Amino acid sequence: MMTREEIIIFFFCSWGRTLEVFSGALATDMELLRRTNDSILSTPGKCIRPILSLLVAKVFGEPNGDSCRFAAAAEILHNATLIHDDVADNSSVRRGVPTVMASLGTMPAVLVGDFWLARALNVIMGSERRDIALRFFSKTICDLAEGEMLQLQKAAAGDTTVEDYLKIVYCKTASLFETAAVCGALSVDAPADMREAVGRYAACLGTAFQIRDDILDFGDAAKAGKPVGVDIREGKITAPLLCALDGAAEENKIRGIMREMASHPEYGDEVRRFVDRRGGVRLARRVLEKYVDESLDALGAMPPGKVRNLLSEFTAMIRKV
């Protein structure tokens, strides 16, 4: 069984190789694109998806070149979707700095996102297991597009249901978690039944992760580490508001307010008071707990050891919100 020190050594070695793949994939001699890429890379996110991919690979074997390629591709694809999301949401700031759209405009931002998306696919094409990996990544790309379109449609109509919300969460967040983890297992030739368990684990983990993020949007900025109230301002009905709406006499009124949010952002305070009064955040935490528990149950089917324990610890941390 690996010691914690051996896990750290493994991770830094694999992470270093993954970063080499990542940076090499984005190389370009087009100056404006290179500067834009450097700006994006100067404020990296949490890199949860590639870390998840590498740790899952380690649960089942010794991470290799394909492991690093799939981990890098997951992070490149994630960043591509963020660039496109900022265009769809008309967002001017991400991770504390101006978005590509704010810096260059809408059309250049779309093109930069397309460049990152294409390079993610190029990374996968260089792998030995590209045929099956491409099936997973291409499905996720379709999920991402469908999720974004469904979210825009439902925000405009103000009629998001629980089923709609969970589909949006799966398409926009959980699908990429699932693909990153399954392809990590695939990279070391994990058995098919184990890949299925990994998929269940990661899909539930990704769902819990997004619900947590949606709960934090109803909290204070200091705890969330980012601006809050964004979902309400964008007319998005997420877990805390959905839970508050369940059985509420004011449901039609609140949904009408959400439809008008784009032109009346001052209505946001009324919606927040409604969620507080109805205990929406508390109820959303119960939903979060359900998906964390389901994720841990699926994780239990994977081979035991220190690495699986790390995944368990990380999964349990999502409860803290």
Protein backbone atom coordinates (compact mmCIF):
# COMPACT_ATOMS: atom_id res chain seq x y z
CA MET A 1 0.00 0.00 0.00
CA MET A 2 1.31 3.46 -0.90
CA THR A 3 2.38 5.88 1.79
CA ARG A 4 1.18 9.49 1.66
CA GLU A 5 4.70 10.55 0.63
CA GLU A 6 4.64 8.13 -2.31
CA ILE A 7 1.25 9.48 -3.36
CA ILE A 8 2.64 13.03 -3.32
CA ILE A 9 5.65 11.99 -5.42
CA PHE A 10 3.41 10.17 -7.89
CA PHE A 11 1.10 13.11 -8.18
CA PHE A 12 3.77 15.70 -8.82
CA CYS A 13 5.45 13.51 -11.43
CA SER A 14 2.17 12.86 -13.24
CA TRP A 15 1.06 16.46 -12.83
CA GLY A 16 4.31 17.72 -14.33
CA ARG A 17 3.84 15.52 -17.39
CA THR A 18 0.23 16.65 -17.67
CA LEU A 19 1.23 20.32 -17.60
CA GLU A 20 3.75 19.68 -20.37
CA VAL A 21 0.97 18.19 -22.52
CA PHE A 22 -1.33 21.06 -21.57
CA SER A 23 1.07 23.87 -22.45
CA GLY A 24 2.34 22.11 -25.57
CA ALA A 25 -1.19 21.69 -26.87
CA LEU A 26 -1.85 25.43 -26.69
CA ALA A 27 1.35 26.52 -28.42
CA THR A 28 0.79 28.96 -31.28
CA ASP A 29 2.81 31.50 -33.24
CA MET A 30 -0.22 33.80 -33.57
CA GLU A 31 0.74 36.63 -31.21
CA LEU A 32 -2.72 37.80 -30.13
CA LEU A 33 -3.83 34.23 -29.44
CA ARG A 34 -0.62 33.46 -27.58
CA ARG A 35 -1.04 36.53 -25.36
CA THR A 36 -4.65 35.63 -24.69
CA ASN A 37 -3.72 32.06 -23.79
CA ASP A 38 -1.01 33.32 -21.44
CA SER A 39 -3.53 35.59 -19.76
CA ILE A 40 -5.96 32.71 -19.21
CA LEU A 41 -3.18 30.48 -17.87
CA SER A 42 -2.02 33.20 -15.46
CA THR A 43 -5.18 32.65 -13.38
CA PRO A 44 -5.67 28.88 -13.32
CA GLY A 45 -8.68 27.37 -11.61
CA LYS A 46 -8.73 24.52 -9.12
CA CYS A 47 -7.85 21.92 -11.80
CA ILE A 48 -10.27 19.49 -10.17
CA ARG A 49 -11.03 17.53 -13.33
CA PRO A 50 -7.44 16.63 -14.29
CA ILE A 51 -6.59 15.86 -10.67
CA LEU A 52 -9.61 13.56 -10.50
CA SER A 53 -8.57 11.87 -13.75
CA LEU A 54 -5.01 11.20 -12.55
CA LEU A 55 -6.08 9.93 -9.12
CA VAL A 56 -8.61 7.55 -10.64
CA ALA A 57 -5.91 6.25 -12.99
CA LYS A 58 -3.68 5.62 -9.97
CA VAL A 59 -6.41 3.65 -8.20
CA PHE A 60 -6.31 1.08 -11.02
CA GLY A 61 -2.70 1.13 -12.18
CA GLU A 62 0.32 3.21 -13.07
CA PRO A 63 -0.59 6.47 -14.87
CA ASN A 64 0.98 6.73 -18.32
CA GLY A 65 1.05 9.01 -21.34
CA ASP A 66 -2.63 8.48 -22.08
CA SER A 67 -3.48 9.30 -18.46
CA CYS A 68 -1.72 12.65 -18.78
CA ARG A 69 -3.30 13.33 -22.17
CA PHE A 70 -6.83 12.67 -20.93
CA ALA A 71 -6.26 14.76 -17.81
CA ALA A 72 -4.90 17.66 -19.88
CA ALA A 73 -7.71 17.37 -22.42
CA ALA A 74 -10.31 17.56 -19.64
CA GLU A 75 -8.85 20.81 -18.33
CA ILE A 76 -8.43 22.35 -21.78
CA LEU A 77 -12.03 21.47 -22.61
CA HIS A 78 -13.21 22.88 -19.27
CA ASN A 79 -11.51 26.20 -20.01
CA ALA A 80 -12.98 26.26 -23.51
CA THR A 81 -16.46 25.97 -22.02
CA LEU A 82 -15.75 28.78 -19.54
CA ILE A 83 -14.74 31.10 -22.38
CA HIS A 84 -17.93 30.23 -24.26
CA ASP A 85 -20.05 30.50 -21.10
CA ASP A 86 -18.78 34.03 -20.49
CA VAL A 87 -20.02 34.97 -23.95
CA ALA A 88 -23.42 33.34 -23.37
CA ASP A 89 -23.77 34.99 -19.93
CA ASN A 90 -22.24 38.32 -21.00
CA SER A 91 -19.78 38.01 -18.08
CA SER A 92 -17.05 40.62 -17.78
CA VAL A 93 -14.99 39.09 -14.96
CA ARG A 94 -13.81 35.56 -14.13
CA ARG A 95 -11.34 34.55 -11.42
CA GLY A 96 -10.92 38.23 -10.60
CA VAL A 97 -9.72 39.32 -14.04
CA PRO A 98 -11.47 40.51 -17.23
CA THR A 99 -12.87 37.70 -19.38
CA VAL A 100 -11.67 37.13 -22.92
CA MET A 101 -14.96 38.57 -24.12
CA ALA A 102 -14.46 41.75 -22.07
CA SER A 103 -10.88 42.12 -23.33
CA LEU A 104 -11.30 41.23 -27.02
CA GLY A 105 -15.03 41.22 -27.78
CA THR A 106 -17.63 38.54 -28.47
CA MET A 107 -16.41 37.12 -31.76
CA PRO A 108 -12.73 36.81 -30.74
CA ALA A 109 -13.81 35.14 -27.49
CA VAL A 110 -15.84 32.56 -29.41
CA LEU A 111 -12.83 31.88 -31.64
CA VAL A 112 -10.47 31.50 -28.66
CA GLY A 113 -12.91 29.05 -27.09
CA ASP A 114 -13.06 27.15 -30.37
CA PHE A 115 -9.24 27.03 -30.48
CA TRP A 116 -9.09 25.51 -26.98
CA LEU A 117 -11.81 23.02 -27.87
CA ALA A 118 -9.96 21.94 -31.02
CA ARG A 119 -6.69 21.57 -29.12
CA ALA A 120 -8.38 19.38 -26.51
CA LEU A 121 -9.45 17.03 -29.29
CA ASN A 122 -5.92 17.11 -30.77
CA VAL A 123 -4.53 15.98 -27.42
CA ILE A 124 -6.92 13.03 -27.35
CA MET A 125 -6.06 12.11 -30.94
CA GLY A 126 -2.45 11.61 -29.86
CA SER A 127 -3.39 8.90 -27.36
CA GLU A 128 -3.23 5.15 -27.89
CA ARG A 129 -6.81 4.73 -26.69
CA ARG A 130 -8.20 7.62 -28.73
CA ASP A 131 -11.11 5.74 -30.32
CA ILE A 132 -12.98 5.01 -27.11
CA ALA A 133 -11.82 8.21 -25.37
CA LEU A 134 -13.17 10.33 -28.23
CA ARG A 135 -16.59 8.76 -27.72
CA PHE A 136 -16.64 9.97 -24.14
CA PHE A 137 -15.27 13.43 -24.87
CA SER A 138 -17.52 13.99 -27.90
CA LYS A 139 -20.58 13.04 -25.83
CA THR A 140 -19.52 15.55 -23.19
CA ILE A 141 -19.08 18.28 -25.80
CA CYS A 142 -22.64 17.62 -26.98
CA ASP A 143 -23.84 17.61 -23.36
CA LEU A 144 -22.16 20.96 -22.71
CA ALA A 145 -23.85 22.59 -25.70
CA GLU A 146 -27.27 21.12 -24.88
CA GLY A 147 -26.95 22.11 -21.23
CA GLU A 148 -26.10 25.70 -22.08
CA MET A 149 -29.01 25.95 -24.52
CA LEU A 150 -31.44 24.42 -22.03
CA GLN A 151 -30.27 26.81 -19.32
CA LEU A 152 -30.76 29.83 -21.59
CA GLN A 153 -34.21 28.57 -22.61
CA LYS A 154 -35.33 27.95 -19.04
CA ALA A 155 -33.92 31.23 -17.71
CA ALA A 156 -35.94 33.13 -20.32
CA ALA A 157 -39.13 31.19 -19.55
CA GLY A 158 -38.68 31.07 -15.77
CA ASP A 159 -40.16 27.57 -15.73
CA THR A 160 -37.18 25.47 -14.61
CA THR A 161 -38.26 22.25 -12.89
CA VAL A 162 -36.16 19.97 -10.68
CA GLU A 163 -35.75 17.62 -13.65
CA ASP A 164 -34.65 20.51 -15.88
CA TYR A 165 -32.16 21.68 -13.27
CA LEU A 166 -30.61 18.25 -12.79
CA LYS A 167 -30.29 17.81 -16.55
CA ILE A 168 -28.56 21.20 -16.83
CA VAL A 169 -26.23 20.28 -13.97
CA TYR A 170 -25.39 16.94 -15.55
CA CYS A 171 -24.77 18.40 -19.01
CA LYS A 172 -22.80 21.46 -17.91
CA THR A 173 -20.79 20.02 -15.02
CA ALA A 174 -21.22 16.35 -14.16
CA SER A 175 -20.67 15.04 -17.70
CA LEU A 176 -17.11 16.36 -17.84
CA PHE A 177 -16.38 15.03 -14.34
CA GLU A 178 -17.63 11.65 -15.56
CA THR A 179 -15.54 11.71 -18.73
CA ALA A 180 -12.39 12.86 -16.94
CA ALA A 181 -12.67 10.08 -14.37
CA VAL A 182 -13.73 7.29 -16.75
CA CYS A 183 -10.95 8.15 -19.19
CA GLY A 184 -8.50 8.12 -16.29
CA ALA A 185 -9.60 4.54 -15.58
CA LEU A 186 -9.58 3.73 -19.29
CA SER A 187 -6.00 4.97 -19.64
CA VAL A 188 -4.73 2.14 -17.42
CA ASP A 189 -7.10 -0.48 -18.84
CA ALA A 190 -9.41 -0.75 -15.83
CA PRO A 191 -12.12 -3.42 -16.29
CA ALA A 192 -15.44 -2.34 -17.82
CA ASP A 193 -17.39 -2.90 -14.59
CA MET A 194 -14.95 -0.70 -12.72
CA ARG A 195 -15.24 2.04 -15.36
CA GLU A 196 -18.99 1.92 -14.83
CA ALA A 197 -18.51 2.42 -11.06
CA VAL A 198 -16.11 5.27 -11.75
CA GLY A 199 -18.70 6.89 -14.02
CA ARG A 200 -21.39 6.72 -11.33
CA TYR A 201 -18.97 8.09 -8.76
CA ALA A 202 -17.85 11.02 -10.90
CA ALA A 203 -21.32 11.93 -12.19
CA CYS A 204 -22.66 12.15 -8.62
CA LEU A 205 -19.54 14.01 -7.54
CA GLY A 206 -19.94 16.54 -10.34
CA THR A 207 -23.61 17.02 -9.49
CA ALA A 208 -22.77 17.59 -5.81
CA PHE A 209 -19.99 19.98 -6.80
CA GLN A 210 -22.38 22.12 -8.86
CA ILE A 211 -25.11 22.11 -6.22
CA ARG A 212 -22.49 23.27 -3.71
CA ASP A 213 -21.51 26.09 -6.06
CA ASP A 214 -25.16 27.07 -6.47
CA ILE A 215 -25.62 27.11 -2.69
CA LEU A 216 -22.56 29.32 -2.26
CA ASP A 217 -24.11 31.80 -4.70
CA PHE A 218 -26.74 32.45 -2.03
CA GLY A 219 -24.12 33.01 0.69
CA ASP A 220 -21.62 35.76 1.40
CA ALA A 221 -18.81 36.71 -0.96
CA ALA A 222 -16.08 36.15 1.65
CA LYS A 223 -17.03 32.50 2.14
CA ALA A 224 -17.69 31.85 -1.53
CA GLY A 225 -14.43 33.50 -2.63
CA LYS A 226 -16.24 35.15 -5.55
CA PRO A 227 -19.17 37.47 -6.27
CA VAL A 228 -22.52 36.09 -5.12
CA GLY A 229 -26.07 36.54 -6.36
CA VAL A 230 -24.97 36.00 -9.95
CA ASP A 231 -27.49 33.23 -10.67
CA ILE A 232 -30.46 35.35 -9.60
CA ARG A 233 -29.28 38.32 -11.65
CA GLU A 234 -28.99 36.04 -14.70
CA GLY A 235 -32.47 34.60 -14.13
CA LYS A 236 -31.18 31.11 -13.31
CA ILE A 237 -33.35 29.00 -11.02
CA THR A 238 -30.98 26.73 -9.12
CA ALA A 239 -31.25 24.32 -6.18
CA PRO A 240 -31.86 26.80 -3.29
CA LEU A 241 -34.60 28.62 -5.20
CA LEU A 242 -36.14 25.39 -6.51
CA CYS A 243 -36.30 24.01 -2.96
CA ALA A 244 -37.88 27.25 -1.73
CA LEU A 245 -40.47 27.17 -4.52
CA ASP A 246 -41.62 23.63 -3.68
CA GLY A 247 -45.17 24.00 -2.34
CA ALA A 248 -44.93 27.78 -2.01
CA ALA A 249 -48.06 29.88 -2.55
CA GLU A 250 -45.88 32.58 -4.13
CA GLU A 251 -44.43 30.27 -6.80
CA ASN A 252 -46.06 31.98 -9.80
CA LYS A 253 -45.12 35.41 -8.49
CA ILE A 254 -41.46 34.49 -7.92
CA ARG A 255 -41.16 32.80 -11.32
CA GLY A 256 -42.63 35.93 -12.91
CA ILE A 257 -40.02 38.03 -11.12
CA MET A 258 -37.25 35.76 -12.38
CA ARG A 259 -38.48 36.22 -15.96
CA GLU A 260 -38.15 39.98 -15.53
CA MET A 261 -34.78 39.89 -13.76
CA ALA A 262 -32.77 41.01 -16.82
CA SER A 263 -34.58 44.34 -16.93
CA HIS A 264 -35.23 44.62 -13.18
CA PRO A 265 -32.14 43.44 -11.26
CA GLU A 266 -33.44 45.27 -8.20
CA TYR A 267 -35.93 42.42 -7.77
CA GLY A 268 -33.06 40.18 -6.70
CA ASP A 269 -33.34 41.16 -3.03
CA GLU A 270 -36.97 40.03 -2.94
CA VAL A 271 -36.02 36.64 -4.35
CA ARG A 272 -33.20 36.24 -1.82
CA ARG A 273 -35.58 37.10 1.03
CA PHE A 274 -38.04 34.51 -0.29
CA VAL A 275 -35.32 31.83 -0.35
CA ASP A 276 -34.25 32.74 3.20
CA ARG A 277 -37.84 32.69 4.47
CA ARG A 278 -38.52 29.29 2.92
CA GLY A 279 -35.25 27.71 4.07
CA GLY A 280 -34.12 27.09 0.49
CA VAL A 281 -30.42 26.86 1.28
CA ARG A 282 -31.00 24.40 4.13
CA LEU A 283 -33.14 22.20 1.89
CA ALA A 284 -30.60 22.39 -0.95
CA ARG A 285 -27.93 21.15 1.46
CA ARG A 286 -30.00 17.97 1.91
CA VAL A 287 -29.96 17.43 -1.84
CA LEU A 288 -26.20 18.02 -1.82
CA GLU A 289 -25.78 15.42 0.94
CA LYS A 290 -27.76 12.90 -1.10
CA TYR A 291 -25.42 13.18 -4.08
CA VAL A 292 -22.30 13.10 -1.89
CA ASP A 293 -23.57 9.88 -0.28
CA GLU A 294 -24.35 8.33 -3.68
CA SER A 295 -20.88 9.29 -4.89
CA LEU A 296 -19.22 7.68 -1.88
CA ASP A 297 -21.31 4.53 -2.35
CA ALA A 298 -20.09 4.20 -5.93
CA LEU A 299 -16.52 4.88 -4.82
CA GLY A 300 -16.80 1.91 -2.45
CA ALA A 301 -16.88 -0.46 -5.44
CA MET A 302 -13.37 0.62 -6.48
CA PRO A 303 -10.18 -1.08 -5.21
CA PRO A 304 -9.34 0.02 -1.65
CA GLY A 305 -6.14 1.85 -0.79
CA LYS A 306 -4.63 5.22 0.07
CA VAL A 307 -5.54 6.79 -3.27
CA ARG A 308 -9.17 5.77 -2.98
CA ASN A 309 -9.11 7.18 0.55
CA LEU A 310 -7.91 10.50 -0.87
CA LEU A 311 -10.81 10.51 -3.31
CA SER A 312 -13.16 9.74 -0.43
CA GLU A 313 -11.75 12.61 1.63
CA PHE A 314 -12.07 15.01 -1.29
CA THR A 315 -15.66 13.91 -1.94
CA ALA A 316 -16.63 14.31 1.71
CA MET A 317 -15.19 17.84 1.73
CA ILE A 318 -17.91 18.94 -0.67
CA ARG A 319 -20.36 18.65 2.23
CA LYS A 320 -18.74 21.72 3.81
CA VAL A 321 -20.86 24.57 2.58
